[in-house]
Amino acid sequence: MEKIKVTTSTGFKAEVDPRLDDDFDYAEMISDLYETGAGLSKCIKHVIGANGYERLKKHCREKDGFLSSEKIKQEFQEITNAKVDEDLDVSLKNS
C-alpha cells in the first residue's frame, strides 16, 4: 500500500499509512494517551516508524541538546492532521 507523504511546516518529512484512521492498535494507543497522558513516543513510532521517530527527535532537538515535548507534539499533530487532510482531499476529488 502506498503511503501518504507528509511535510510539516518546519520541513520534517514523513510517510503515513492511509489506513491509520481505521487502525485499531493506533486507536487504542491514542485512547491510552488521552486517558493517561503517557505513550506519545509509542504513538509516533507506530505512525512513522522507529527510524522516523529518531529523525523527528533530531529535527526537533535544539542546538544545545534540549528536546522540547511541545515541539514533538506539534510536529506529530501536523503529521496526523495532514493525513486527515489528504483523506478529505481524496474523497472530495472522487465525488
Protein backbone atom coordinates (compact mmCIF):
# COMPACT_ATOMS: atom_id res chain seq x y z
CA MET A 1 0.00 0.00 0.00
CA GLU A 2 1.33 3.40 -0.97
CA LYS A 3 1.89 5.75 1.95
CA ILE A 4 0.87 9.39 2.15
CA LYS A 5 3.86 11.73 2.03
CA VAL A 6 3.66 14.48 4.63
CA THR A 7 5.80 17.58 5.10
CA THR A 8 5.27 19.66 8.23
CA SER A 9 5.51 23.45 8.35
CA THR A 10 9.06 23.12 9.71
CA GLY A 11 10.09 20.88 6.82
CA PHE A 12 10.03 17.46 8.50
CA LYS A 13 9.09 14.75 6.00
CA ALA A 14 7.31 11.52 6.87
CA GLU A 15 5.17 8.86 5.29
CA VAL A 16 1.89 7.74 6.83
CA ASP A 17 -0.23 4.68 6.12
CA PRO A 18 -3.55 5.90 4.66
CA ARG A 19 -5.37 3.27 6.75
CA LEU A 20 -4.35 4.98 10.00
CA ASP A 21 -7.88 6.16 10.80
CA ASP A 22 -9.04 2.52 10.67
CA ASP A 23 -6.10 1.12 12.68
CA PHE A 24 -7.43 -0.40 15.91
CA ASP A 25 -3.97 -0.63 17.52
CA TYR A 26 -3.45 3.07 16.90
CA ALA A 27 -6.92 3.87 18.27
CA GLU A 28 -6.02 2.03 21.49
CA MET A 29 -2.74 3.94 21.76
CA ILE A 30 -4.48 7.29 21.28
CA SER A 31 -7.11 6.35 23.86
CA ASP A 32 -4.38 5.47 26.36
CA LEU A 33 -2.59 8.72 25.55
CA TYR A 34 -5.70 10.78 26.29
CA GLU A 35 -6.52 8.82 29.44
CA THR A 36 -3.05 8.75 30.98
CA GLY A 37 -1.04 11.41 29.17
CA ALA A 38 1.66 8.80 28.53
CA GLY A 39 2.62 6.93 25.40
CA LEU A 40 3.27 9.68 22.85
CA SER A 41 6.54 8.09 21.72
CA LYS A 42 4.74 4.77 21.14
CA CYS A 43 2.10 6.54 19.02
CA ILE A 44 4.72 8.36 16.98
CA LYS A 45 6.69 5.18 16.34
CA HIS A 46 3.50 3.43 15.25
CA VAL A 47 2.69 6.18 12.75
CA ILE A 48 6.13 6.99 11.27
CA GLY A 49 8.25 4.05 12.41
CA ALA A 50 11.26 3.85 14.70
CA ASN A 51 13.55 5.44 12.11
CA GLY A 52 11.08 8.28 11.54
CA TYR A 53 10.82 8.77 15.30
CA GLU A 54 14.60 9.17 15.63
CA ARG A 55 14.65 11.56 12.66
CA LEU A 56 11.83 13.58 14.25
CA LYS A 57 13.73 13.88 17.54
CA LYS A 58 16.84 15.01 15.67
CA HIS A 59 14.74 17.50 13.68
CA CYS A 60 13.21 18.99 16.85
CA ARG A 61 16.33 18.98 19.05
CA GLU A 62 17.76 22.43 19.76
CA LYS A 63 21.43 23.22 19.25
CA ASP A 64 22.11 22.96 22.99
CA GLY A 65 20.66 19.41 23.02
CA PHE A 66 17.29 20.26 24.58
CA LEU A 67 14.33 18.37 23.11
CA SER A 68 11.01 20.12 23.66
CA SER A 69 7.96 17.95 24.29
CA GLU A 70 5.81 20.71 22.82
CA LYS A 71 7.78 20.72 19.55
CA ILE A 72 7.41 16.96 19.24
CA LYS A 73 3.65 17.19 19.95
CA GLN A 74 3.20 19.97 17.37
CA GLU A 75 5.07 18.05 14.68
CA PHE A 76 3.12 14.86 15.41
CA GLN A 77 -0.15 16.76 15.30
CA GLU A 78 0.77 18.23 11.91
CA ILE A 79 1.70 14.78 10.61
CA THR A 80 -1.58 13.22 11.69
CA ASN A 81 -3.64 16.25 10.60
CA ALA A 82 -2.03 16.16 7.17
CA LYS A 83 -3.10 12.53 6.87
CA VAL A 84 -6.69 13.56 7.64
CA ASP A 85 -6.50 16.44 5.14
CA GLU A 86 -5.19 14.04 2.50
CA ASP A 87 -8.18 11.76 3.09
CA LEU A 88 -10.54 14.71 2.74
CA ASP A 89 -8.85 15.82 -0.46
CA VAL A 90 -9.09 12.33 -1.91
CA SER A 91 -12.77 11.99 -1.06
CA LEU A 92 -13.56 15.46 -2.44
CA LYS A 93 -11.74 14.68 -5.69
CA ASN A 94 -13.69 11.44 -6.10
CA SER A 95 -17.15 12.97 -5.55
